[in-house]
Amino acid sequence: MNTIDTIESNQDIVTFVQITDTHLFSDEKGSLLGVNTLDSFAAVVQDINNHVQSKQFKYHALIMTGDVSQDHTDKSYQRFNQGIQILGKSCYWLPGNHDYKPSMNSIYPSAQIKSSTHVLAGKFWQVVLLDSQVEGRPYGELSTEQLTYLDQVLDSNPERYTLVLLHHHPRLVGSEWLDKHCLHNSDEFWQVIAPYSKAKVVLCGHVHQDFNQPYNGVSVITSPSTCIQFKPNSTEFALDRVAPGWRSLTLLPNGKIETQVYRLEGEDFLPDFDAEGY
């Protein structure tokens, strides 16, 4: 069900924090390719909190762009919900290819996690959350209903700049193995976007790496995972040595954005580099 929310309605500038691809398990010792995903998630959350506590950083809400869970369990989503409590911010989320929507819904009611699909963010922006999951498949696709919904939101609020969120990347990132699992009907997605000049940013998860390129006047952005990182520009599956991280995204009144990736220090969460996939 599509629902609308409003945050900071009196603000000219709104800042979000994006975390993505946590791949949590019911078991607190659950690991993905040698990385304990609960520990790495907790470390990223603590890093966000440290930035806030040191007064270097302020933001209004969290964004989670999918693959919350690795094992589909209710408990894994409860762990995410519990993990963000120290931040004290609302969190808007959507499903990735690894998620199980009935278990995602099991955490409601939640004081922090919101099921909204449309957010009026401050005075000048809106956020649209789309579901690109194809059940049982790693690639993404937007249903006719999702594409129609996107078009309706854009058409109904032509005065607002728009940030679109979905899990799967609608532009190729340059890794052959990973680009096979992109948004398969990306042409249809871009056809919906094209008439709306105020659609400015598309923000995704899924690719476990920092990517930011313009396409037809729209910034297409992906971000580090809170656990394992995929090596950019790889023909075959490959892992990277860079640390887990998170992204800030500030929406400005003129339709521009300011964004930055933050990573954990050190090498506490290096994966098994001999792994051939997951």
C-alpha atoms as a PDB file:
ATOM      1  CA  MET A   1       0.000   0.000   0.000  1.00  0.00           C
ATOM      2  CA  ASN A   2       1.313   3.426  -0.961  1.00  0.00           C
ATOM      3  CA  THR A   3       1.493   5.895   1.919  1.00  0.00           C
ATOM      4  CA  ILE A   4       2.785   9.449   2.275  1.00  0.00           C
ATOM      5  CA  ASP A   5       4.798  11.067   5.053  1.00  0.00           C
ATOM      6  CA  THR A   6       6.234  14.524   5.729  1.00  0.00           C
ATOM      7  CA  ILE A   7       9.525  15.426   7.392  1.00  0.00           C
ATOM      8  CA  GLU A   8      10.872  18.862   8.284  1.00  0.00           C
ATOM      9  CA  SER A   9       8.137  20.702   6.372  1.00  0.00           C
ATOM     10  CA  ASN A  10       9.569  24.087   7.356  1.00  0.00           C
ATOM     11  CA  GLN A  11      13.151  23.336   6.301  1.00  0.00           C
ATOM     12  CA  ASP A  12      14.878  24.693   3.196  1.00  0.00           C
ATOM     13  CA  ILE A  13      17.574  22.016   3.387  1.00  0.00           C
ATOM     14  CA  VAL A  14      17.074  18.342   4.277  1.00  0.00           C
ATOM     15  CA  THR A  15      19.843  15.806   4.866  1.00  0.00           C
ATOM     16  CA  PHE A  16      19.478  12.026   4.751  1.00  0.00           C
ATOM     17  CA  VAL A  17      21.836   9.260   5.802  1.00  0.00           C
ATOM     18  CA  GLN A  18      21.797   6.190   3.568  1.00  0.00           C
ATOM     19  CA  ILE A  19      22.743   2.762   4.855  1.00  0.00           C
ATOM     20  CA  THR A  20      22.318  -0.228   2.606  1.00  0.00           C
ATOM     21  CA  ASP A  21      22.834  -3.953   2.089  1.00  0.00           C
ATOM     22  CA  THR A  22      23.255  -4.975   5.730  1.00  0.00           C
ATOM     23  CA  HIS A  23      22.587  -8.690   4.985  1.00  0.00           C
ATOM     24  CA  LEU A  24      21.693  -9.510   8.578  1.00  0.00           C
ATOM     25  CA  PHE A  25      20.968 -12.965  10.008  1.00  0.00           C
ATOM     26  CA  SER A  26      18.830 -14.210  12.881  1.00  0.00           C
ATOM     27  CA  ASP A  27      22.049 -15.551  14.432  1.00  0.00           C
ATOM     28  CA  GLU A  28      24.170 -12.777  15.914  1.00  0.00           C
ATOM     29  CA  LYS A  29      27.225 -14.679  14.682  1.00  0.00           C
ATOM     30  CA  GLY A  30      25.958 -14.864  11.101  1.00  0.00           C
ATOM     31  CA  SER A  31      28.652 -14.129   8.528  1.00  0.00           C
ATOM     32  CA  LEU A  32      28.638 -13.319   4.834  1.00  0.00           C
ATOM     33  CA  LEU A  33      31.872 -14.254   3.052  1.00  0.00           C
ATOM     34  CA  GLY A  34      33.759 -14.102   6.323  1.00  0.00           C
ATOM     35  CA  VAL A  35      32.271 -10.831   7.618  1.00  0.00           C
ATOM     36  CA  ASN A  36      30.010 -10.819  10.673  1.00  0.00           C
ATOM     37  CA  THR A  37      27.267  -8.631   9.241  1.00  0.00           C
ATOM     38  CA  LEU A  38      25.727  -7.672  12.579  1.00  0.00           C
ATOM     39  CA  ASP A  39      29.083  -6.461  13.877  1.00  0.00           C
ATOM     40  CA  SER A  40      29.845  -4.469  10.730  1.00  0.00           C
ATOM     41  CA  PHE A  41      26.329  -2.964  10.745  1.00  0.00           C
ATOM     42  CA  ALA A  42      26.735  -1.978  14.409  1.00  0.00           C
ATOM     43  CA  ALA A  43      30.106  -0.401  13.642  1.00  0.00           C
ATOM     44  CA  VAL A  44      28.611   1.694  10.830  1.00  0.00           C
ATOM     45  CA  VAL A  45      25.721   2.821  13.044  1.00  0.00           C
ATOM     46  CA  GLN A  46      28.213   3.769  15.744  1.00  0.00           C
ATOM     47  CA  ASP A  47      30.245   5.720  13.201  1.00  0.00           C
ATOM     48  CA  ILE A  48      27.145   7.701  12.207  1.00  0.00           C
ATOM     49  CA  ASN A  49      26.409   8.339  15.872  1.00  0.00           C
ATOM     50  CA  ASN A  50      29.989   9.434  16.495  1.00  0.00           C
ATOM     51  CA  HIS A  51      29.707  12.016  13.718  1.00  0.00           C
ATOM     52  CA  VAL A  52      26.548  13.370  15.302  1.00  0.00           C
ATOM     53  CA  GLN A  53      27.862  13.375  18.867  1.00  0.00           C
ATOM     54  CA  SER A  54      31.014  15.220  17.874  1.00  0.00           C
ATOM     55  CA  LYS A  55      28.765  17.922  16.343  1.00  0.00           C
ATOM     56  CA  GLN A  56      30.360  17.508  12.948  1.00  0.00           C
ATOM     57  CA  PHE A  57      27.172  16.301  11.348  1.00  0.00           C
ATOM     58  CA  LYS A  58      23.396  16.768  11.464  1.00  0.00           C
ATOM     59  CA  TYR A  59      20.736  14.945   9.483  1.00  0.00           C
ATOM     60  CA  HIS A  60      16.960  14.487   9.468  1.00  0.00           C
ATOM     61  CA  ALA A  61      16.221  10.842   8.609  1.00  0.00           C
ATOM     62  CA  LEU A  62      17.668   7.506   7.532  1.00  0.00           C
ATOM     63  CA  ILE A  63      17.265   5.734   4.196  1.00  0.00           C
ATOM     64  CA  MET A  64      17.743   1.964   3.856  1.00  0.00           C
ATOM     65  CA  THR A  65      17.853   0.841   0.203  1.00  0.00           C
ATOM     66  CA  GLY A  66      17.353  -2.904   0.568  1.00  0.00           C
ATOM     67  CA  ASP A  67      18.951  -6.259   1.328  1.00  0.00           C
ATOM     68  CA  VAL A  68      18.322  -5.760   5.015  1.00  0.00           C
ATOM     69  CA  SER A  69      18.362  -9.518   5.579  1.00  0.00           C
ATOM     70  CA  GLN A  70      20.363 -12.442   4.265  1.00  0.00           C
ATOM     71  CA  ASP A  71      18.254 -15.274   5.721  1.00  0.00           C
ATOM     72  CA  HIS A  72      14.650 -13.954   5.376  1.00  0.00           C
ATOM     73  CA  THR A  73      13.936 -14.301   9.108  1.00  0.00           C
ATOM     74  CA  ASP A  74      11.785 -12.074  11.278  1.00  0.00           C
ATOM     75  CA  LYS A  75      14.687 -11.924  13.735  1.00  0.00           C
ATOM     76  CA  SER A  76      17.061 -10.433  11.165  1.00  0.00           C
ATOM     77  CA  TYR A  77      14.692  -7.493  10.627  1.00  0.00           C
ATOM     78  CA  GLN A  78      14.271  -7.108  14.377  1.00  0.00           C
ATOM     79  CA  ARG A  79      18.062  -6.854  14.628  1.00  0.00           C
ATOM     80  CA  PHE A  80      18.038  -3.997  12.117  1.00  0.00           C
ATOM     81  CA  ASN A  81      15.243  -2.257  13.990  1.00  0.00           C
ATOM     82  CA  GLN A  82      17.081  -2.640  17.289  1.00  0.00           C
ATOM     83  CA  GLY A  83      20.388  -1.589  15.744  1.00  0.00           C
ATOM     84  CA  ILE A  84      19.215   1.856  14.641  1.00  0.00           C
ATOM     85  CA  GLN A  85      17.555   2.740  17.954  1.00  0.00           C
ATOM     86  CA  ILE A  86      20.581   4.681  19.201  1.00  0.00           C
ATOM     87  CA  LEU A  87      20.280   7.044  16.240  1.00  0.00           C
ATOM     88  CA  GLY A  88      16.772   8.147  17.193  1.00  0.00           C
ATOM     89  CA  LYS A  89      15.778   8.981  13.619  1.00  0.00           C
ATOM     90  CA  SER A  90      12.979   7.809  11.341  1.00  0.00           C
ATOM     91  CA  CYS A  91      14.095   5.261   8.754  1.00  0.00           C
ATOM     92  CA  TYR A  92      12.498   4.813   5.341  1.00  0.00           C
ATOM     93  CA  TRP A  93      13.212   1.438   3.744  1.00  0.00           C
ATOM     94  CA  LEU A  94      12.439  -0.687   0.716  1.00  0.00           C
ATOM     95  CA  PRO A  95      13.087  -4.340  -0.237  1.00  0.00           C
ATOM     96  CA  GLY A  96      16.110  -5.710  -2.068  1.00  0.00           C
ATOM     97  CA  ASN A  97      16.432  -9.002  -3.896  1.00  0.00           C
ATOM     98  CA  HIS A  98      17.514 -10.791  -0.694  1.00  0.00           C
ATOM     99  CA  ASP A  99      14.599  -9.491   1.371  1.00  0.00           C
ATOM    100  CA  TYR A 100      11.389 -11.276   2.362  1.00  0.00           C
ATOM    101  CA  LYS A 101       8.580  -8.770   2.557  1.00  0.00           C
ATOM    102  CA  PRO A 102       6.343 -10.663   5.049  1.00  0.00           C
ATOM    103  CA  SER A 103       9.267 -10.723   7.495  1.00  0.00           C
ATOM    104  CA  MET A 104      10.020  -7.042   6.835  1.00  0.00           C
ATOM    105  CA  ASN A 105       6.428  -6.302   7.793  1.00  0.00           C
ATOM    106  CA  SER A 106       6.763  -8.325  10.994  1.00  0.00           C
ATOM    107  CA  ILE A 107       8.592  -5.506  12.772  1.00  0.00           C
ATOM    108  CA  TYR A 108       5.584  -3.147  12.647  1.00  0.00           C
ATOM    109  CA  PRO A 109       4.561  -1.246  14.626  1.00  0.00           C
ATOM    110  CA  SER A 110       7.976   0.370  14.885  1.00  0.00           C
ATOM    111  CA  ALA A 111       8.637   3.800  16.298  1.00  0.00           C
ATOM    112  CA  GLN A 112      11.440   4.452  13.812  1.00  0.00           C
ATOM    113  CA  ILE A 113      10.961   2.358  10.669  1.00  0.00           C
ATOM    114  CA  LYS A 114       8.404   3.821   8.289  1.00  0.00           C
ATOM    115  CA  SER A 115       6.512   2.020   5.520  1.00  0.00           C
ATOM    116  CA  SER A 116       5.934   5.230   3.541  1.00  0.00           C
ATOM    117  CA  THR A 117       6.477   5.148  -0.216  1.00  0.00           C
ATOM    118  CA  HIS A 118       6.308   8.938  -0.681  1.00  0.00           C
ATOM    119  CA  VAL A 119       7.955  11.503   1.567  1.00  0.00           C
ATOM    120  CA  LEU A 120       7.602  15.271   1.337  1.00  0.00           C
ATOM    121  CA  ALA A 121      11.068  16.367   2.463  1.00  0.00           C
ATOM    122  CA  GLY A 122      11.257  19.981   3.553  1.00  0.00           C
ATOM    123  CA  LYS A 123       9.909  22.774   1.388  1.00  0.00           C
ATOM    124  CA  PHE A 124      11.416  21.855  -1.946  1.00  0.00           C
ATOM    125  CA  TRP A 125      11.926  18.081  -2.319  1.00  0.00           C
ATOM    126  CA  GLN A 126      10.067  14.797  -2.343  1.00  0.00           C
ATOM    127  CA  VAL A 127      11.278  11.207  -2.074  1.00  0.00           C
ATOM    128  CA  VAL A 128       9.695   8.258  -3.902  1.00  0.00           C
ATOM    129  CA  LEU A 129      10.465   4.718  -2.710  1.00  0.00           C
ATOM    130  CA  LEU A 130      10.045   1.962  -5.313  1.00  0.00           C
ATOM    131  CA  ASP A 131       9.988  -1.820  -5.032  1.00  0.00           C
ATOM    132  CA  SER A 132      12.194  -3.373  -7.741  1.00  0.00           C
ATOM    133  CA  GLN A 133      12.257  -6.872  -6.245  1.00  0.00           C
ATOM    134  CA  VAL A 134      11.601  -9.872  -8.506  1.00  0.00           C
ATOM    135  CA  GLU A 135      10.913 -12.702  -6.105  1.00  0.00           C
ATOM    136  CA  GLY A 136      13.583 -15.392  -6.286  1.00  0.00           C
ATOM    137  CA  ARG A 137      15.775 -13.508  -8.770  1.00  0.00           C
ATOM    138  CA  PRO A 138      18.860 -11.320  -8.231  1.00  0.00           C
ATOM    139  CA  TYR A 139      17.958  -8.808 -10.951  1.00  0.00           C
ATOM    140  CA  GLY A 140      15.346  -6.105 -10.574  1.00  0.00           C
ATOM    141  CA  GLU A 141      12.238  -5.001 -12.408  1.00  0.00           C
ATOM    142  CA  LEU A 142       9.603  -2.374 -11.794  1.00  0.00           C
ATOM    143  CA  SER A 143       6.033  -3.555 -12.247  1.00  0.00           C
ATOM    144  CA  THR A 144       3.528  -1.576 -14.271  1.00  0.00           C
ATOM    145  CA  GLU A 145       1.953  -0.537 -10.972  1.00  0.00           C
ATOM    146  CA  GLN A 146       5.267   0.810  -9.667  1.00  0.00           C
ATOM    147  CA  LEU A 147       5.981   2.730 -12.853  1.00  0.00           C
ATOM    148  CA  THR A 148       2.476   4.185 -12.830  1.00  0.00           C
ATOM    149  CA  TYR A 149       2.882   5.186  -9.203  1.00  0.00           C
ATOM    150  CA  LEU A 150       6.157   6.952  -9.952  1.00  0.00           C
ATOM    151  CA  ASP A 151       4.550   8.840 -12.807  1.00  0.00           C
ATOM    152  CA  GLN A 152       1.584   9.854 -10.633  1.00  0.00           C
ATOM    153  CA  VAL A 153       3.789  11.185  -7.844  1.00  0.00           C
ATOM    154  CA  LEU A 154       5.952  13.159 -10.260  1.00  0.00           C
ATOM    155  CA  ASP A 155       2.910  14.555 -12.038  1.00  0.00           C
ATOM    156  CA  SER A 156       1.118  15.485  -8.810  1.00  0.00           C
ATOM    157  CA  ASN A 157       4.023  17.485  -7.377  1.00  0.00           C
ATOM    158  CA  PRO A 158       5.650  19.262 -10.325  1.00  0.00           C
ATOM    159  CA  GLU A 159       6.976  22.064  -8.131  1.00  0.00           C
ATOM    160  CA  ARG A 160       9.155  19.714  -6.055  1.00  0.00           C
ATOM    161  CA  TYR A 161      12.542  18.275  -6.891  1.00  0.00           C
ATOM    162  CA  THR A 162      12.547  14.498  -6.631  1.00  0.00           C
ATOM    163  CA  LEU A 163      14.837  11.871  -5.158  1.00  0.00           C
ATOM    164  CA  VAL A 164      13.929   8.354  -6.361  1.00  0.00           C
ATOM    165  CA  LEU A 165      14.953   5.349  -4.278  1.00  0.00           C
ATOM    166  CA  LEU A 166      15.127   1.736  -5.420  1.00  0.00           C
ATOM    167  CA  HIS A 167      17.371  -1.233  -4.755  1.00  0.00           C
ATOM    168  CA  HIS A 168      18.567  -2.149  -8.264  1.00  0.00           C
ATOM    169  CA  HIS A 169      20.735   0.158 -10.350  1.00  0.00           C
ATOM    170  CA  PRO A 170      19.071   1.532 -13.519  1.00  0.00           C
ATOM    171  CA  ARG A 171      22.418   2.352 -15.158  1.00  0.00           C
ATOM    172  CA  LEU A 172      25.340  -0.014 -15.701  1.00  0.00           C
ATOM    173  CA  VAL A 173      28.171   0.448 -13.189  1.00  0.00           C
ATOM    174  CA  GLY A 174      30.888  -1.227 -15.266  1.00  0.00           C
ATOM    175  CA  SER A 175      31.126  -4.608 -13.545  1.00  0.00           C
ATOM    176  CA  GLU A 176      30.012  -7.219 -16.063  1.00  0.00           C
ATOM    177  CA  TRP A 177      28.869  -9.856 -13.563  1.00  0.00           C
ATOM    178  CA  LEU A 178      26.988  -7.325 -11.435  1.00  0.00           C
ATOM    179  CA  ASP A 179      25.380  -5.472 -14.339  1.00  0.00           C
ATOM    180  CA  LYS A 180      23.584  -8.692 -15.288  1.00  0.00           C
ATOM    181  CA  HIS A 181      21.598  -8.134 -12.094  1.00  0.00           C
ATOM    182  CA  CYS A 182      20.625  -4.512 -12.718  1.00  0.00           C
ATOM    183  CA  LEU A 183      17.118  -3.123 -13.219  1.00  0.00           C
ATOM    184  CA  HIS A 184      16.078  -5.076 -16.315  1.00  0.00           C
ATOM    185  CA  ASN A 185      13.393  -2.666 -17.477  1.00  0.00           C
ATOM    186  CA  SER A 186      15.487   0.442 -16.942  1.00  0.00           C
ATOM    187  CA  ASP A 187      14.408   1.875 -20.318  1.00  0.00           C
ATOM    188  CA  GLU A 188      10.812   2.011 -19.101  1.00  0.00           C
ATOM    189  CA  PHE A 189      11.953   3.624 -15.862  1.00  0.00           C
ATOM    190  CA  TRP A 190      13.837   6.366 -17.706  1.00  0.00           C
ATOM    191  CA  GLN A 191      10.879   6.953 -20.019  1.00  0.00           C
ATOM    192  CA  VAL A 192       8.772   7.775 -16.963  1.00  0.00           C
ATOM    193  CA  ILE A 193      11.456  10.083 -15.570  1.00  0.00           C
ATOM    194  CA  ALA A 194      12.214  11.900 -18.843  1.00  0.00           C
ATOM    195  CA  PRO A 195       9.346  14.443 -18.906  1.00  0.00           C
ATOM    196  CA  TYR A 196      10.058  15.634 -15.380  1.00  0.00           C
ATOM    197  CA  SER A 197      13.018  17.994 -15.268  1.00  0.00           C
ATOM    198  CA  LYS A 198      12.849  18.235 -11.482  1.00  0.00           C
ATOM    199  CA  ALA A 199      13.568  14.526 -11.017  1.00  0.00           C
ATOM    200  CA  LYS A 200      17.187  15.037  -9.995  1.00  0.00           C
ATOM    201  CA  VAL A 201      18.580  11.987  -8.170  1.00  0.00           C
ATOM    202  CA  VAL A 202      18.237   8.196  -8.274  1.00  0.00           C
ATOM    203  CA  LEU A 203      19.757   6.496  -5.228  1.00  0.00           C
ATOM    204  CA  CYS A 204      20.256   2.715  -5.084  1.00  0.00           C
ATOM    205  CA  GLY A 205      21.764  -0.103  -3.085  1.00  0.00           C
ATOM    206  CA  HIS A 206      22.686  -3.526  -4.502  1.00  0.00           C
ATOM    207  CA  VAL A 207      26.136  -2.846  -5.954  1.00  0.00           C
ATOM    208  CA  HIS A 208      28.098  -2.585  -2.682  1.00  0.00           C
ATOM    209  CA  GLN A 209      30.278   0.250  -3.992  1.00  0.00           C
ATOM    210  CA  ASP A 210      30.444   4.014  -4.436  1.00  0.00           C
ATOM    211  CA  PHE A 211      29.169   5.077  -7.869  1.00  0.00           C
ATOM    212  CA  ASN A 212      27.978   8.534  -8.908  1.00  0.00           C
ATOM    213  CA  GLN A 213      27.407   9.453 -12.545  1.00  0.00           C
ATOM    214  CA  PRO A 214      24.973  11.760 -14.347  1.00  0.00           C
ATOM    215  CA  TYR A 215      22.494  10.472 -16.910  1.00  0.00           C
ATOM    216  CA  ASN A 216      20.218  12.858 -18.813  1.00  0.00           C
ATOM    217  CA  GLY A 217      20.522  15.435 -16.050  1.00  0.00           C
ATOM    218  CA  VAL A 218      19.877  12.923 -13.258  1.00  0.00           C
ATOM    219  CA  SER A 219      22.527  11.851 -10.729  1.00  0.00           C
ATOM    220  CA  VAL A 220      22.611   8.043 -10.450  1.00  0.00           C
ATOM    221  CA  ILE A 221      24.198   7.086  -7.138  1.00  0.00           C
ATOM    222  CA  THR A 222      25.009   3.828  -5.370  1.00  0.00           C
ATOM    223  CA  SER A 223      26.751   3.374  -2.042  1.00  0.00           C
ATOM    224  CA  PRO A 224      28.958   1.121   0.060  1.00  0.00           C
ATOM    225  CA  SER A 225      27.404  -1.770   1.927  1.00  0.00           C
ATOM    226  CA  THR A 226      27.640  -1.960   5.692  1.00  0.00           C
ATOM    227  CA  CYS A 227      29.366  -5.358   5.208  1.00  0.00           C
ATOM    228  CA  ILE A 228      31.205  -6.690   2.120  1.00  0.00           C
ATOM    229  CA  GLN A 229      32.279  -4.466  -0.788  1.00  0.00           C
ATOM    230  CA  PHE A 230      32.330  -5.459  -4.472  1.00  0.00           C
ATOM    231  CA  LYS A 231      35.394  -4.500  -6.475  1.00  0.00           C
ATOM    232  CA  PRO A 232      34.522  -1.921  -9.169  1.00  0.00           C
ATOM    233  CA  ASN A 233      34.955  -2.649 -12.884  1.00  0.00           C
ATOM    234  CA  SER A 234      35.256  -6.432 -12.454  1.00  0.00           C
ATOM    235  CA  THR A 235      34.371  -8.894 -15.176  1.00  0.00           C
ATOM    236  CA  GLU A 236      33.891 -11.736 -12.681  1.00  0.00           C
ATOM    237  CA  PHE A 237      32.742 -11.681  -9.071  1.00  0.00           C
ATOM    238  CA  ALA A 238      35.405  -9.911  -6.987  1.00  0.00           C
ATOM    239  CA  LEU A 239      35.594  -8.370  -3.520  1.00  0.00           C
ATOM    240  CA  ASP A 240      37.263  -5.091  -2.605  1.00  0.00           C
ATOM    241  CA  ARG A 241      39.547  -4.231   0.328  1.00  0.00           C
ATOM    242  CA  VAL A 242      37.816  -0.929   1.117  1.00  0.00           C
ATOM    243  CA  ALA A 243      35.925  -0.690   4.393  1.00  0.00           C
ATOM    244  CA  PRO A 244      32.152  -0.708   4.975  1.00  0.00           C
ATOM    245  CA  GLY A 245      30.493   2.673   4.983  1.00  0.00           C
ATOM    246  CA  TRP A 246      27.504   4.959   4.652  1.00  0.00           C
ATOM    247  CA  ARG A 247      26.463   8.041   2.669  1.00  0.00           C
ATOM    248  CA  SER A 248      25.096  11.463   3.508  1.00  0.00           C
ATOM    249  CA  LEU A 249      22.871  13.232   0.991  1.00  0.00           C
ATOM    250  CA  THR A 250      21.878  16.878   1.440  1.00  0.00           C
ATOM    251  CA  LEU A 251      19.022  18.211  -0.690  1.00  0.00           C
ATOM    252  CA  LEU A 252      19.381  21.914  -1.463  1.00  0.00           C
ATOM    253  CA  PRO A 253      16.644  24.449  -2.378  1.00  0.00           C
ATOM    254  CA  ASN A 254      18.003  24.912  -5.909  1.00  0.00           C
ATOM    255  CA  GLY A 255      17.664  21.228  -6.844  1.00  0.00           C
ATOM    256  CA  LYS A 256      21.324  20.408  -6.341  1.00  0.00           C
ATOM    257  CA  ILE A 257      22.733  17.926  -3.837  1.00  0.00           C
ATOM    258  CA  GLU A 258      25.780  17.590  -1.647  1.00  0.00           C
ATOM    259  CA  THR A 259      26.812  14.020  -0.939  1.00  0.00           C
ATOM    260  CA  GLN A 260      29.683  12.260   0.780  1.00  0.00           C
ATOM    261  CA  VAL A 261      30.699   8.670   1.511  1.00  0.00           C
ATOM    262  CA  TYR A 262      32.085   7.850   4.946  1.00  0.00           C
ATOM    263  CA  ARG A 263      33.966   4.615   5.644  1.00  0.00           C
ATOM    264  CA  LEU A 264      35.083   2.845   8.794  1.00  0.00           C
ATOM    265  CA  GLU A 265      38.739   3.106   9.666  1.00  0.00           C
ATOM    266  CA  GLY A 266      41.005   0.066   9.672  1.00  0.00           C
ATOM    267  CA  GLU A 267      40.577  -3.440   8.283  1.00  0.00           C
ATOM    268  CA  ASP A 268      38.345  -5.069  10.884  1.00  0.00           C
ATOM    269  CA  PHE A 269      35.816  -6.293   8.320  1.00  0.00           C
ATOM    270  CA  LEU A 270      37.836  -7.744   5.460  1.00  0.00           C
ATOM    271  CA  PRO A 271      36.021 -10.584   3.642  1.00  0.00           C
ATOM    272  CA  ASP A 272      37.191 -13.959   2.378  1.00  0.00           C
ATOM    273  CA  PHE A 273      38.886 -12.977  -0.871  1.00  0.00           C
ATOM    274  CA  ASP A 274      38.886 -16.591  -2.101  1.00  0.00           C
ATOM    275  CA  ALA A 275      35.078 -16.583  -2.272  1.00  0.00           C
ATOM    276  CA  GLU A 276      33.612 -17.084  -5.749  1.00  0.00           C
ATOM    277  CA  GLY A 277      30.169 -15.686  -5.056  1.00  0.00           C
ATOM    278  CA  TYR A 278      27.420 -15.544  -2.467  1.00  0.00           C
END
